[in-house]
């Protein structure tokens, strides 16, 4: 079963880069499989993010708590998505975020130390993560600008278009948190959207 989860990661990598059989074997040797129960935490504030994490099964989210203990969801993910506190990983400073399984999940992760070795041994892995980190930065900037300049209904429409597979699997309060609205207002947005379709 472990091999199946590693294969999901390898298939994902091969969509972007070419890997030889020996490189596949090397990657398989250094990844770790982390099963998570529903609501189990993978990372919490104060810890260092020491791994790049790939969701092989299930779903997860990344969120933080403000001074009023209000949750703010920064990232949602399902199978074949990466989830991490990249700031903590790249700067090696304590995380301010939680990473939590939404459903029972299986994470395939690569430690920072092993990843540094893979960058040297397998240049294609360096290319892969450079592209991933670049796209994560672009997505973050787009989302920041959208949250500052776009009204909630437009943000909701974009969310259901881009993340249709997520909406059915994630509690409504998490989606509301991700969109920066209350659960009650999210219900209003959903009704408005359904009315527009009828």
C-alpha atoms as a PDB file:
ATOM      1  CA  UNK A   1       0.000   0.000   0.000  1.00  0.00           C
ATOM      2  CA  UNK A   2       2.883   2.362   0.803  1.00  0.00           C
ATOM      3  CA  UNK A   3       4.187   1.845  -2.734  1.00  0.00           C
ATOM      4  CA  UNK A   4       0.822   3.027  -4.092  1.00  0.00           C
ATOM      5  CA  UNK A   5       1.145   6.400  -2.340  1.00  0.00           C
ATOM      6  CA  UNK A   6       4.720   6.834  -3.552  1.00  0.00           C
ATOM      7  CA  UNK A   7       3.529   5.996  -7.072  1.00  0.00           C
ATOM      8  CA  UNK A   8       0.938   8.791  -6.876  1.00  0.00           C
ATOM      9  CA  UNK A   9       3.782  11.215  -6.134  1.00  0.00           C
ATOM     10  CA  UNK A  10       6.028   9.814  -8.872  1.00  0.00           C
ATOM     11  CA  UNK A  11       3.231  10.038 -11.445  1.00  0.00           C
ATOM     12  CA  UNK A  12       2.655  13.642 -10.379  1.00  0.00           C
ATOM     13  CA  UNK A  13       6.365  14.477 -10.750  1.00  0.00           C
ATOM     14  CA  UNK A  14       6.517  12.845 -14.197  1.00  0.00           C
ATOM     15  CA  UNK A  15       3.786  15.170 -15.467  1.00  0.00           C
ATOM     16  CA  UNK A  16       6.387  17.960 -15.280  1.00  0.00           C
ATOM     17  CA  UNK A  17       9.820  16.346 -15.436  1.00  0.00           C
ATOM     18  CA  UNK A  18      11.506  13.262 -16.943  1.00  0.00           C
ATOM     19  CA  UNK A  19      12.975  10.772 -14.465  1.00  0.00           C
ATOM     20  CA  UNK A  20      15.139   7.723 -15.095  1.00  0.00           C
ATOM     21  CA  UNK A  21      14.475   4.428 -13.324  1.00  0.00           C
ATOM     22  CA  UNK A  22      17.444   4.999 -11.004  1.00  0.00           C
ATOM     23  CA  UNK A  23      16.172   8.492 -10.140  1.00  0.00           C
ATOM     24  CA  UNK A  24      12.727   7.081  -9.386  1.00  0.00           C
ATOM     25  CA  UNK A  25      14.371   4.533  -7.102  1.00  0.00           C
ATOM     26  CA  UNK A  26      16.370   7.251  -5.326  1.00  0.00           C
ATOM     27  CA  UNK A  27      13.276   9.390  -4.707  1.00  0.00           C
ATOM     28  CA  UNK A  28      11.374   6.339  -3.424  1.00  0.00           C
ATOM     29  CA  UNK A  29      14.139   5.726  -0.881  1.00  0.00           C
ATOM     30  CA  UNK A  30      13.910   9.159   0.762  1.00  0.00           C
ATOM     31  CA  UNK A  31      10.180   9.923   0.919  1.00  0.00           C
ATOM     32  CA  UNK A  32       8.168   9.375   4.100  1.00  0.00           C
ATOM     33  CA  UNK A  33       4.527   8.284   4.336  1.00  0.00           C
ATOM     34  CA  UNK A  34       2.455  10.051   7.013  1.00  0.00           C
ATOM     35  CA  UNK A  35      -1.110   8.798   7.588  1.00  0.00           C
ATOM     36  CA  UNK A  36      -3.397  11.326   9.275  1.00  0.00           C
ATOM     37  CA  UNK A  37      -6.726  10.893  11.000  1.00  0.00           C
ATOM     38  CA  UNK A  38      -9.527  13.388  10.373  1.00  0.00           C
ATOM     39  CA  UNK A  39      -8.668  16.726  12.069  1.00  0.00           C
ATOM     40  CA  UNK A  40      -5.160  15.512  12.983  1.00  0.00           C
ATOM     41  CA  UNK A  41      -2.467  18.202  12.854  1.00  0.00           C
ATOM     42  CA  UNK A  42       0.664  17.838  10.737  1.00  0.00           C
ATOM     43  CA  UNK A  43       2.170  21.200  11.700  1.00  0.00           C
ATOM     44  CA  UNK A  44       1.387  23.776  14.377  1.00  0.00           C
ATOM     45  CA  UNK A  45       2.610  27.236  15.368  1.00  0.00           C
ATOM     46  CA  UNK A  46       6.080  27.235  16.895  1.00  0.00           C
ATOM     47  CA  UNK A  47       7.289  24.228  14.891  1.00  0.00           C
ATOM     48  CA  UNK A  48       9.682  24.455  11.945  1.00  0.00           C
ATOM     49  CA  UNK A  49       8.325  23.259   8.616  1.00  0.00           C
ATOM     50  CA  UNK A  50      11.024  20.755   7.666  1.00  0.00           C
ATOM     51  CA  UNK A  51       9.295  18.934   4.799  1.00  0.00           C
ATOM     52  CA  UNK A  52       7.701  19.455   1.421  1.00  0.00           C
ATOM     53  CA  UNK A  53       4.327  17.744   1.703  1.00  0.00           C
ATOM     54  CA  UNK A  54       2.228  16.108  -1.020  1.00  0.00           C
ATOM     55  CA  UNK A  55      -1.352  14.926  -0.477  1.00  0.00           C
ATOM     56  CA  UNK A  56      -1.546  11.382  -1.865  1.00  0.00           C
ATOM     57  CA  UNK A  57      -4.990  10.709  -0.412  1.00  0.00           C
ATOM     58  CA  UNK A  58      -7.651  12.738   1.388  1.00  0.00           C
ATOM     59  CA  UNK A  59      -7.758  16.480   1.976  1.00  0.00           C
ATOM     60  CA  UNK A  60      -6.050  19.021   4.198  1.00  0.00           C
ATOM     61  CA  UNK A  61      -5.936  22.711   4.945  1.00  0.00           C
ATOM     62  CA  UNK A  62      -3.480  25.337   6.129  1.00  0.00           C
ATOM     63  CA  UNK A  63      -4.827  28.007   8.507  1.00  0.00           C
ATOM     64  CA  UNK A  64      -3.888  30.439  11.256  1.00  0.00           C
ATOM     65  CA  UNK A  65      -5.641  31.816  14.333  1.00  0.00           C
ATOM     66  CA  UNK A  66      -5.826  35.573  14.869  1.00  0.00           C
ATOM     67  CA  UNK A  67      -5.662  37.279  18.286  1.00  0.00           C
ATOM     68  CA  UNK A  68      -9.390  36.566  18.763  1.00  0.00           C
ATOM     69  CA  UNK A  69      -8.879  32.853  18.025  1.00  0.00           C
ATOM     70  CA  UNK A  70     -10.705  33.276  14.711  1.00  0.00           C
ATOM     71  CA  UNK A  71      -9.616  30.797  12.023  1.00  0.00           C
ATOM     72  CA  UNK A  72      -8.367  32.081   8.665  1.00  0.00           C
ATOM     73  CA  UNK A  73      -7.919  29.374   6.025  1.00  0.00           C
ATOM     74  CA  UNK A  74      -5.009  30.130   3.690  1.00  0.00           C
ATOM     75  CA  UNK A  75      -4.923  26.951   1.643  1.00  0.00           C
ATOM     76  CA  UNK A  76      -7.132  23.964   0.882  1.00  0.00           C
ATOM     77  CA  UNK A  77      -5.859  20.829  -0.807  1.00  0.00           C
ATOM     78  CA  UNK A  78      -6.961  17.432  -2.090  1.00  0.00           C
ATOM     79  CA  UNK A  79      -5.171  14.533  -3.799  1.00  0.00           C
ATOM     80  CA  UNK A  80      -2.134  15.548  -5.887  1.00  0.00           C
ATOM     81  CA  UNK A  81      -1.843  18.996  -4.300  1.00  0.00           C
ATOM     82  CA  UNK A  82       1.078  20.234  -2.244  1.00  0.00           C
ATOM     83  CA  UNK A  83       0.423  21.801   1.152  1.00  0.00           C
ATOM     84  CA  UNK A  84       2.957  23.499   3.380  1.00  0.00           C
ATOM     85  CA  UNK A  85       4.012  26.576   5.289  1.00  0.00           C
ATOM     86  CA  UNK A  86       6.465  27.644   2.603  1.00  0.00           C
ATOM     87  CA  UNK A  87       7.586  30.700   4.580  1.00  0.00           C
ATOM     88  CA  UNK A  88       8.683  28.555   7.520  1.00  0.00           C
ATOM     89  CA  UNK A  89      10.241  25.967   5.190  1.00  0.00           C
ATOM     90  CA  UNK A  90      12.242  28.499   3.173  1.00  0.00           C
ATOM     91  CA  UNK A  91      13.309  30.805   6.030  1.00  0.00           C
ATOM     92  CA  UNK A  92      13.631  28.085   8.696  1.00  0.00           C
ATOM     93  CA  UNK A  93      11.708  30.216  11.168  1.00  0.00           C
ATOM     94  CA  UNK A  94       8.941  29.005  13.448  1.00  0.00           C
ATOM     95  CA  UNK A  95       5.621  28.488  11.730  1.00  0.00           C
ATOM     96  CA  UNK A  96       2.594  30.592  12.598  1.00  0.00           C
ATOM     97  CA  UNK A  97       0.283  28.171  10.821  1.00  0.00           C
ATOM     98  CA  UNK A  98      -1.569  24.914  11.359  1.00  0.00           C
ATOM     99  CA  UNK A  99      -1.712  22.150   8.750  1.00  0.00           C
ATOM    100  CA  UNK A 100      -4.639  19.850   9.470  1.00  0.00           C
ATOM    101  CA  UNK A 101      -6.268  16.862   7.787  1.00  0.00           C
ATOM    102  CA  UNK A 102      -9.868  17.628   6.837  1.00  0.00           C
ATOM    103  CA  UNK A 103     -10.575  13.982   5.996  1.00  0.00           C
ATOM    104  CA  UNK A 104      -8.430  10.944   6.776  1.00  0.00           C
ATOM    105  CA  UNK A 105      -5.362  11.618   4.639  1.00  0.00           C
ATOM    106  CA  UNK A 106      -2.023  10.222   3.555  1.00  0.00           C
ATOM    107  CA  UNK A 107       0.846  12.663   3.071  1.00  0.00           C
ATOM    108  CA  UNK A 108       4.021  11.805   1.168  1.00  0.00           C
ATOM    109  CA  UNK A 109       6.762  14.104   2.410  1.00  0.00           C
ATOM    110  CA  UNK A 110      10.411  14.800   1.674  1.00  0.00           C
ATOM    111  CA  UNK A 111      12.615  16.267   4.377  1.00  0.00           C
ATOM    112  CA  UNK A 112      14.510  19.482   3.719  1.00  0.00           C
ATOM    113  CA  UNK A 113      17.804  17.618   4.103  1.00  0.00           C
ATOM    114  CA  UNK A 114      16.868  14.902   1.612  1.00  0.00           C
ATOM    115  CA  UNK A 115      15.460  17.450  -0.796  1.00  0.00           C
ATOM    116  CA  UNK A 116      18.759  19.370  -0.791  1.00  0.00           C
ATOM    117  CA  UNK A 117      20.539  16.114  -1.691  1.00  0.00           C
ATOM    118  CA  UNK A 118      18.040  15.378  -4.466  1.00  0.00           C
ATOM    119  CA  UNK A 119      18.595  18.858  -5.936  1.00  0.00           C
ATOM    120  CA  UNK A 120      22.261  17.923  -6.435  1.00  0.00           C
ATOM    121  CA  UNK A 121      21.745  14.300  -7.505  1.00  0.00           C
ATOM    122  CA  UNK A 122      18.664  14.849  -9.702  1.00  0.00           C
ATOM    123  CA  UNK A 123      18.640  18.321 -11.312  1.00  0.00           C
ATOM    124  CA  UNK A 124      15.119  17.709 -12.639  1.00  0.00           C
ATOM    125  CA  UNK A 125      13.841  17.727  -9.026  1.00  0.00           C
ATOM    126  CA  UNK A 126      15.364  21.182  -8.566  1.00  0.00           C
ATOM    127  CA  UNK A 127      13.531  22.302 -11.715  1.00  0.00           C
ATOM    128  CA  UNK A 128      10.264  20.799 -10.473  1.00  0.00           C
ATOM    129  CA  UNK A 129      10.321  22.595  -7.115  1.00  0.00           C
ATOM    130  CA  UNK A 130      11.499  25.862  -8.649  1.00  0.00           C
ATOM    131  CA  UNK A 131       8.427  25.785 -10.886  1.00  0.00           C
ATOM    132  CA  UNK A 132       6.148  24.792  -7.967  1.00  0.00           C
ATOM    133  CA  UNK A 133       7.418  27.585  -5.724  1.00  0.00           C
ATOM    134  CA  UNK A 134       7.124  30.125  -8.544  1.00  0.00           C
ATOM    135  CA  UNK A 135       3.513  29.119  -9.222  1.00  0.00           C
ATOM    136  CA  UNK A 136       2.729  29.224  -5.481  1.00  0.00           C
ATOM    137  CA  UNK A 137       4.052  32.798  -5.320  1.00  0.00           C
ATOM    138  CA  UNK A 138       2.016  33.843  -8.355  1.00  0.00           C
ATOM    139  CA  UNK A 139      -1.134  32.247  -6.899  1.00  0.00           C
ATOM    140  CA  UNK A 140      -0.561  33.969  -3.551  1.00  0.00           C
ATOM    141  CA  UNK A 141      -0.190  37.383  -5.190  1.00  0.00           C
ATOM    142  CA  UNK A 142      -3.280  36.833  -7.343  1.00  0.00           C
ATOM    143  CA  UNK A 143      -5.305  35.830  -4.305  1.00  0.00           C
ATOM    144  CA  UNK A 144      -4.066  38.791  -2.243  1.00  0.00           C
ATOM    145  CA  UNK A 145      -4.991  41.265  -4.973  1.00  0.00           C
ATOM    146  CA  UNK A 146      -8.340  39.545  -5.546  1.00  0.00           C
ATOM    147  CA  UNK A 147      -9.224  39.738  -1.842  1.00  0.00           C
ATOM    148  CA  UNK A 148      -8.426  43.457  -1.810  1.00  0.00           C
ATOM    149  CA  UNK A 149     -10.200  44.394  -5.025  1.00  0.00           C
ATOM    150  CA  UNK A 150     -12.951  41.870  -5.797  1.00  0.00           C
ATOM    151  CA  UNK A 151     -16.368  41.572  -4.184  1.00  0.00           C
ATOM    152  CA  UNK A 152     -17.286  38.366  -2.375  1.00  0.00           C
ATOM    153  CA  UNK A 153     -19.680  36.963  -4.978  1.00  0.00           C
ATOM    154  CA  UNK A 154     -17.014  37.148  -7.699  1.00  0.00           C
ATOM    155  CA  UNK A 155     -14.522  35.434  -5.369  1.00  0.00           C
ATOM    156  CA  UNK A 156     -17.073  32.675  -4.691  1.00  0.00           C
ATOM    157  CA  UNK A 157     -17.722  32.166  -8.404  1.00  0.00           C
ATOM    158  CA  UNK A 158     -14.018  31.859  -9.078  1.00  0.00           C
ATOM    159  CA  UNK A 159     -13.628  29.445  -6.160  1.00  0.00           C
ATOM    160  CA  UNK A 160     -16.318  27.028  -7.366  1.00  0.00           C
ATOM    161  CA  UNK A 161     -14.953  27.189 -10.898  1.00  0.00           C
ATOM    162  CA  UNK A 162     -11.346  26.473  -9.896  1.00  0.00           C
ATOM    163  CA  UNK A 163     -11.969  24.215  -6.905  1.00  0.00           C
ATOM    164  CA  UNK A 164     -15.145  22.315  -7.797  1.00  0.00           C
ATOM    165  CA  UNK A 165     -13.743  19.051  -6.468  1.00  0.00           C
ATOM    166  CA  UNK A 166     -13.014  20.663  -3.121  1.00  0.00           C
ATOM    167  CA  UNK A 167     -16.350  22.307  -2.431  1.00  0.00           C
ATOM    168  CA  UNK A 168     -18.180  18.991  -1.953  1.00  0.00           C
ATOM    169  CA  UNK A 169     -15.573  17.678   0.502  1.00  0.00           C
ATOM    170  CA  UNK A 170     -14.792  20.633   2.756  1.00  0.00           C
ATOM    171  CA  UNK A 171     -16.991  21.963   5.595  1.00  0.00           C
ATOM    172  CA  UNK A 172     -18.744  25.210   4.675  1.00  0.00           C
ATOM    173  CA  UNK A 173     -17.138  27.183   7.508  1.00  0.00           C
ATOM    174  CA  UNK A 174     -13.682  26.402   6.076  1.00  0.00           C
ATOM    175  CA  UNK A 175     -14.715  27.614   2.626  1.00  0.00           C
ATOM    176  CA  UNK A 176     -16.186  30.747   4.201  1.00  0.00           C
ATOM    177  CA  UNK A 177     -12.914  31.281   6.067  1.00  0.00           C
ATOM    178  CA  UNK A 178     -10.939  30.804   2.841  1.00  0.00           C
ATOM    179  CA  UNK A 179     -13.112  33.386   1.054  1.00  0.00           C
ATOM    180  CA  UNK A 180     -12.986  35.820   3.973  1.00  0.00           C
ATOM    181  CA  UNK A 181     -16.743  35.778   4.646  1.00  0.00           C
ATOM    182  CA  UNK A 182     -19.016  34.439   7.399  1.00  0.00           C
ATOM    183  CA  UNK A 183     -20.701  31.033   6.958  1.00  0.00           C
ATOM    184  CA  UNK A 184     -24.045  32.855   6.847  1.00  0.00           C
ATOM    185  CA  UNK A 185     -22.852  35.100   4.030  1.00  0.00           C
ATOM    186  CA  UNK A 186     -21.480  32.067   2.179  1.00  0.00           C
ATOM    187  CA  UNK A 187     -24.993  30.551   2.311  1.00  0.00           C
ATOM    188  CA  UNK A 188     -26.310  33.756   0.747  1.00  0.00           C
ATOM    189  CA  UNK A 189     -23.652  33.600  -2.002  1.00  0.00           C
ATOM    190  CA  UNK A 190     -24.508  29.958  -2.754  1.00  0.00           C
ATOM    191  CA  UNK A 191     -28.208  30.774  -2.997  1.00  0.00           C
ATOM    192  CA  UNK A 192     -27.470  33.759  -5.256  1.00  0.00           C
ATOM    193  CA  UNK A 193     -25.392  31.499  -7.494  1.00  0.00           C
ATOM    194  CA  UNK A 194     -28.085  28.799  -7.658  1.00  0.00           C
ATOM    195  CA  UNK A 195     -30.730  31.440  -8.435  1.00  0.00           C
ATOM    196  CA  UNK A 196     -28.590  32.746 -11.288  1.00  0.00           C
ATOM    197  CA  UNK A 197     -28.490  29.243 -12.812  1.00  0.00           C
ATOM    198  CA  UNK A 198     -32.266  28.723 -12.693  1.00  0.00           C
END
